[in-house]
Amino acid sequence: MTGKMIKLLYFGFALGAAGLLRKRTEEQILLPLIILGGVLFHLIFEAKSQYVLEYLPLFAPIAAYGVFQTGRVVERLSQRIFKRRNEKNRGT
């Protein structure tokens, strides 16, 4: 169970960071860049995963944002698909 939660946290963080980095305002880019820089530094130069664990609490808000934004995108896409199907069924 714990492994799945960590994977969800990492995946959500990746989605949230990608979404925030795409917007390109200083306020939205700052936190993901700090976290990514710290994690990469500790992974490359310290070579112990115990130092990366300190960043996990910082992953949570960005992961939540990523999961929330993904849900919104899926909702919009499903609405478009259902709208097109309904228009096709009415037209025939």
N, C-alpha and C. Protein backbone atom coordinates (compact mmCIF):
# COMPACT_ATOMS: atom_id res chain seq x y z
N MET A 1 0.82 -1.20 0.00
CA MET A 1 0.00 0.00 0.00
C MET A 1 0.86 1.25 0.00
N THR A 2 1.95 1.26 0.78
CA THR A 2 2.78 2.44 0.88
C THR A 2 3.45 2.75 -0.45
N GLY A 3 3.89 1.74 -1.17
CA GLY A 3 4.53 1.94 -2.46
C GLY A 3 3.61 2.59 -3.46
N LYS A 4 2.34 2.21 -3.44
CA LYS A 4 1.36 2.80 -4.36
C LYS A 4 1.12 4.26 -4.03
N MET A 5 1.10 4.58 -2.76
CA MET A 5 0.89 5.97 -2.36
C MET A 5 2.07 6.85 -2.77
N ILE A 6 3.27 6.34 -2.62
CA ILE A 6 4.46 7.10 -3.02
C ILE A 6 4.46 7.31 -4.52
N LYS A 7 4.09 6.28 -5.28
CA LYS A 7 4.02 6.42 -6.73
C LYS A 7 2.98 7.45 -7.14
N LEU A 8 1.83 7.43 -6.46
CA LEU A 8 0.80 8.44 -6.73
C LEU A 8 1.31 9.83 -6.40
N LEU A 9 2.03 9.95 -5.32
CA LEU A 9 2.60 11.25 -4.93
C LEU A 9 3.59 11.74 -5.98
N TYR A 10 4.48 10.87 -6.42
CA TYR A 10 5.46 11.24 -7.45
C TYR A 10 4.77 11.59 -8.77
N PHE A 11 3.80 10.75 -9.17
CA PHE A 11 3.09 11.00 -10.42
C PHE A 11 2.31 12.31 -10.36
N GLY A 12 1.63 12.53 -9.25
CA GLY A 12 0.90 13.79 -9.07
C GLY A 12 1.82 14.99 -9.06
N PHE A 13 2.98 14.83 -8.43
CA PHE A 13 3.95 15.92 -8.41
C PHE A 13 4.44 16.22 -9.82
N ALA A 14 4.71 15.17 -10.60
CA ALA A 14 5.17 15.38 -11.97
C ALA A 14 4.11 16.12 -12.79
N LEU A 15 2.85 15.72 -12.63
CA LEU A 15 1.77 16.40 -13.35
C LEU A 15 1.61 17.84 -12.89
N GLY A 16 1.65 18.05 -11.57
CA GLY A 16 1.50 19.41 -11.04
C GLY A 16 2.66 20.30 -11.43
N ALA A 17 3.87 19.79 -11.35
CA ALA A 17 5.04 20.58 -11.72
C ALA A 17 5.00 20.92 -13.20
N ALA A 18 4.62 19.96 -14.03
CA ALA A 18 4.52 20.23 -15.47
C ALA A 18 3.47 21.29 -15.75
N GLY A 19 2.34 21.21 -15.06
CA GLY A 19 1.29 22.22 -15.24
C GLY A 19 1.72 23.60 -14.77
N LEU A 20 2.40 23.66 -13.64
CA LEU A 20 2.85 24.95 -13.13
C LEU A 20 3.98 25.53 -13.96
N LEU A 21 4.88 24.69 -14.43
CA LEU A 21 5.99 25.18 -15.25
C LEU A 21 5.50 25.66 -16.61
N ARG A 22 4.39 25.11 -17.06
CA ARG A 22 3.82 25.53 -18.35
C ARG A 22 3.23 26.93 -18.28
N LYS A 23 2.76 27.35 -17.10
CA LYS A 23 2.14 28.67 -16.96
C LYS A 23 3.17 29.79 -16.98
N ARG A 24 4.36 29.51 -16.49
CA ARG A 24 5.52 30.40 -16.58
C ARG A 24 5.36 31.76 -15.91
N THR A 25 4.75 31.80 -14.76
CA THR A 25 4.82 33.01 -13.94
C THR A 25 5.77 32.71 -12.79
N GLU A 26 6.46 33.72 -12.32
CA GLU A 26 7.49 33.50 -11.30
C GLU A 26 6.95 32.83 -10.05
N GLU A 27 5.77 33.26 -9.62
CA GLU A 27 5.20 32.71 -8.38
C GLU A 27 4.87 31.23 -8.53
N GLN A 28 4.44 30.82 -9.70
CA GLN A 28 4.04 29.44 -9.90
C GLN A 28 5.21 28.52 -10.21
N ILE A 29 6.28 29.06 -10.72
CA ILE A 29 7.44 28.24 -11.07
C ILE A 29 8.37 28.03 -9.88
N LEU A 30 8.37 28.95 -8.93
CA LEU A 30 9.36 28.95 -7.86
C LEU A 30 9.36 27.67 -7.02
N LEU A 31 8.23 27.27 -6.48
CA LEU A 31 8.19 26.10 -5.59
C LEU A 31 8.57 24.80 -6.31
N PRO A 32 8.01 24.50 -7.50
CA PRO A 32 8.45 23.26 -8.16
C PRO A 32 9.94 23.25 -8.49
N LEU A 33 10.49 24.39 -8.89
CA LEU A 33 11.92 24.43 -9.21
C LEU A 33 12.79 24.23 -7.98
N ILE A 34 12.40 24.79 -6.85
CA ILE A 34 13.15 24.60 -5.62
C ILE A 34 13.15 23.13 -5.21
N ILE A 35 11.98 22.51 -5.27
CA ILE A 35 11.87 21.11 -4.88
C ILE A 35 12.65 20.22 -5.84
N LEU A 36 12.48 20.44 -7.14
CA LEU A 36 13.21 19.62 -8.12
C LEU A 36 14.71 19.80 -7.97
N GLY A 37 15.15 21.03 -7.77
CA GLY A 37 16.58 21.28 -7.60
C GLY A 37 17.14 20.59 -6.36
N GLY A 38 16.42 20.67 -5.26
CA GLY A 38 16.88 20.02 -4.03
C GLY A 38 16.93 18.51 -4.15
N VAL A 39 15.89 17.95 -4.76
CA VAL A 39 15.84 16.49 -4.92
C VAL A 39 16.97 16.03 -5.84
N LEU A 40 17.15 16.72 -6.97
CA LEU A 40 18.22 16.32 -7.89
C LEU A 40 19.60 16.47 -7.25
N PHE A 41 19.81 17.54 -6.49
CA PHE A 41 21.08 17.73 -5.82
C PHE A 41 21.37 16.57 -4.87
N HIS A 42 20.38 16.24 -4.04
CA HIS A 42 20.60 15.17 -3.08
C HIS A 42 20.73 13.80 -3.75
N LEU A 43 20.02 13.58 -4.83
CA LEU A 43 20.16 12.30 -5.53
C LEU A 43 21.52 12.17 -6.21
N ILE A 44 22.03 13.25 -6.76
CA ILE A 44 23.29 13.18 -7.48
C ILE A 44 24.50 13.20 -6.54
N PHE A 45 24.52 14.13 -5.59
CA PHE A 45 25.73 14.34 -4.80
C PHE A 45 25.73 13.61 -3.45
N GLU A 46 24.60 13.33 -2.89
CA GLU A 46 24.57 12.67 -1.58
C GLU A 46 24.43 11.16 -1.70
N ALA A 47 23.75 10.71 -2.72
CA ALA A 47 23.59 9.28 -3.03
C ALA A 47 22.90 8.49 -1.92
N LYS A 48 22.18 9.14 -1.05
CA LYS A 48 21.37 8.44 -0.04
C LYS A 48 19.94 8.93 -0.17
N SER A 49 19.02 8.00 -0.22
CA SER A 49 17.63 8.38 -0.39
C SER A 49 17.04 9.01 0.87
N GLN A 50 17.70 8.88 2.00
CA GLN A 50 17.15 9.44 3.24
C GLN A 50 17.07 10.96 3.17
N TYR A 51 17.94 11.59 2.39
CA TYR A 51 17.90 13.05 2.28
C TYR A 51 16.75 13.52 1.39
N VAL A 52 16.35 12.70 0.45
CA VAL A 52 15.26 13.05 -0.44
C VAL A 52 13.92 12.98 0.30
N LEU A 53 13.83 12.15 1.31
CA LEU A 53 12.59 12.01 2.07
C LEU A 53 12.15 13.30 2.73
N GLU A 54 13.08 14.19 2.98
CA GLU A 54 12.72 15.48 3.58
C GLU A 54 11.86 16.33 2.65
N TYR A 55 11.89 16.05 1.37
CA TYR A 55 11.11 16.83 0.41
C TYR A 55 9.69 16.28 0.21
N LEU A 56 9.41 15.11 0.72
CA LEU A 56 8.08 14.51 0.51
C LEU A 56 6.93 15.38 1.00
N PRO A 57 7.01 16.03 2.15
CA PRO A 57 5.90 16.90 2.54
C PRO A 57 5.69 18.07 1.58
N LEU A 58 6.75 18.48 0.91
CA LEU A 58 6.61 19.57 -0.06
C LEU A 58 5.99 19.08 -1.37
N PHE A 59 6.06 17.79 -1.62
CA PHE A 59 5.46 17.22 -2.83
C PHE A 59 3.94 17.27 -2.76
N ALA A 60 3.38 17.14 -1.57
CA ALA A 60 1.94 16.94 -1.41
C ALA A 60 1.08 18.05 -2.04
N PRO A 61 1.35 19.35 -1.79
CA PRO A 61 0.47 20.35 -2.40
C PRO A 61 0.55 20.37 -3.93
N ILE A 62 1.74 20.17 -4.45
CA ILE A 62 1.88 20.17 -5.90
C ILE A 62 1.26 18.91 -6.50
N ALA A 63 1.39 17.79 -5.80
CA ALA A 63 0.76 16.55 -6.27
C ALA A 63 -0.76 16.69 -6.26
N ALA A 64 -1.30 17.31 -5.22
CA ALA A 64 -2.75 17.52 -5.16
C ALA A 64 -3.21 18.42 -6.31
N TYR A 65 -2.43 19.44 -6.60
CA TYR A 65 -2.75 20.32 -7.72
C TYR A 65 -2.71 19.54 -9.03
N GLY A 66 -1.71 18.69 -9.21
CA GLY A 66 -1.59 17.90 -10.43
C GLY A 66 -2.75 16.94 -10.62
N VAL A 67 -3.14 16.26 -9.55
CA VAL A 67 -4.26 15.32 -9.63
C VAL A 67 -5.56 16.08 -9.90
N PHE A 68 -5.75 17.23 -9.25
CA PHE A 68 -6.95 18.04 -9.45
C PHE A 68 -7.03 18.54 -10.89
N GLN A 69 -5.92 19.06 -11.42
CA GLN A 69 -5.91 19.56 -12.79
C GLN A 69 -6.15 18.43 -13.80
N THR A 70 -5.60 17.28 -13.54
CA THR A 70 -5.81 16.13 -14.42
C THR A 70 -7.29 15.75 -14.43
N GLY A 71 -7.92 15.77 -13.27
CA GLY A 71 -9.35 15.50 -13.19
C GLY A 71 -10.17 16.49 -13.99
N ARG A 72 -9.79 17.76 -13.92
CA ARG A 72 -10.50 18.79 -14.69
C ARG A 72 -10.33 18.58 -16.19
N VAL A 73 -9.13 18.21 -16.63
CA VAL A 73 -8.88 17.96 -18.05
C VAL A 73 -9.70 16.76 -18.53
N VAL A 74 -9.71 15.70 -17.73
CA VAL A 74 -10.48 14.50 -18.11
C VAL A 74 -11.97 14.84 -18.17
N GLU A 75 -12.45 15.65 -17.25
CA GLU A 75 -13.86 16.04 -17.26
C GLU A 75 -14.20 16.84 -18.52
N ARG A 76 -13.36 17.79 -18.88
CA ARG A 76 -13.60 18.58 -20.09
C ARG A 76 -13.57 17.71 -21.35
N LEU A 77 -12.61 16.79 -21.41
CA LEU A 77 -12.54 15.91 -22.58
C LEU A 77 -13.76 15.01 -22.67
N SER A 78 -14.20 14.47 -21.55
CA SER A 78 -15.38 13.59 -21.58
C SER A 78 -16.63 14.37 -21.96
N GLN A 79 -16.73 15.62 -21.53
CA GLN A 79 -17.88 16.44 -21.93
C GLN A 79 -17.88 16.69 -23.42
N ARG A 80 -16.72 16.95 -23.98
CA ARG A 80 -16.63 17.15 -25.44
C ARG A 80 -17.03 15.89 -26.19
N ILE A 81 -16.55 14.75 -25.72
CA ILE A 81 -16.87 13.49 -26.39
C ILE A 81 -18.36 13.22 -26.34
N PHE A 82 -18.98 13.38 -25.16
CA PHE A 82 -20.42 13.14 -25.03
C PHE A 82 -21.21 14.14 -25.85
N LYS A 83 -20.74 15.37 -25.94
CA LYS A 83 -21.43 16.39 -26.73
C LYS A 83 -21.40 16.02 -28.21
N ARG A 84 -20.26 15.57 -28.71
CA ARG A 84 -20.14 15.16 -30.11
C ARG A 84 -21.01 13.95 -30.40
N ARG A 85 -21.04 12.99 -29.47
CA ARG A 85 -21.88 11.80 -29.68
C ARG A 85 -23.36 12.18 -29.72
N ASN A 86 -23.77 13.07 -28.85
CA ASN A 86 -25.17 13.51 -28.83
C ASN A 86 -25.53 14.24 -30.12
N GLU A 87 -24.58 15.08 -30.62
CA GLU A 87 -24.84 15.80 -31.86
C GLU A 87 -24.94 14.83 -33.03
N LYS A 88 -24.11 13.79 -33.06
CA LYS A 88 -24.18 12.79 -34.12
C LYS A 88 -25.50 12.04 -34.07
N ASN A 89 -25.94 11.65 -32.87
CA ASN A 89 -27.19 10.89 -32.74
C ASN A 89 -28.40 11.74 -33.12
N ARG A 90 -28.38 13.02 -32.86
CA ARG A 90 -29.50 13.89 -33.23
C ARG A 90 -29.53 14.14 -34.73
N GLY A 91 -28.36 14.19 -35.34
CA GLY A 91 -28.27 14.48 -36.77
C GLY A 91 -28.66 13.32 -37.66
N THR A 92 -28.64 12.11 -37.14
CA THR A 92 -28.96 10.95 -37.99
C THR A 92 -30.40 10.57 -37.91
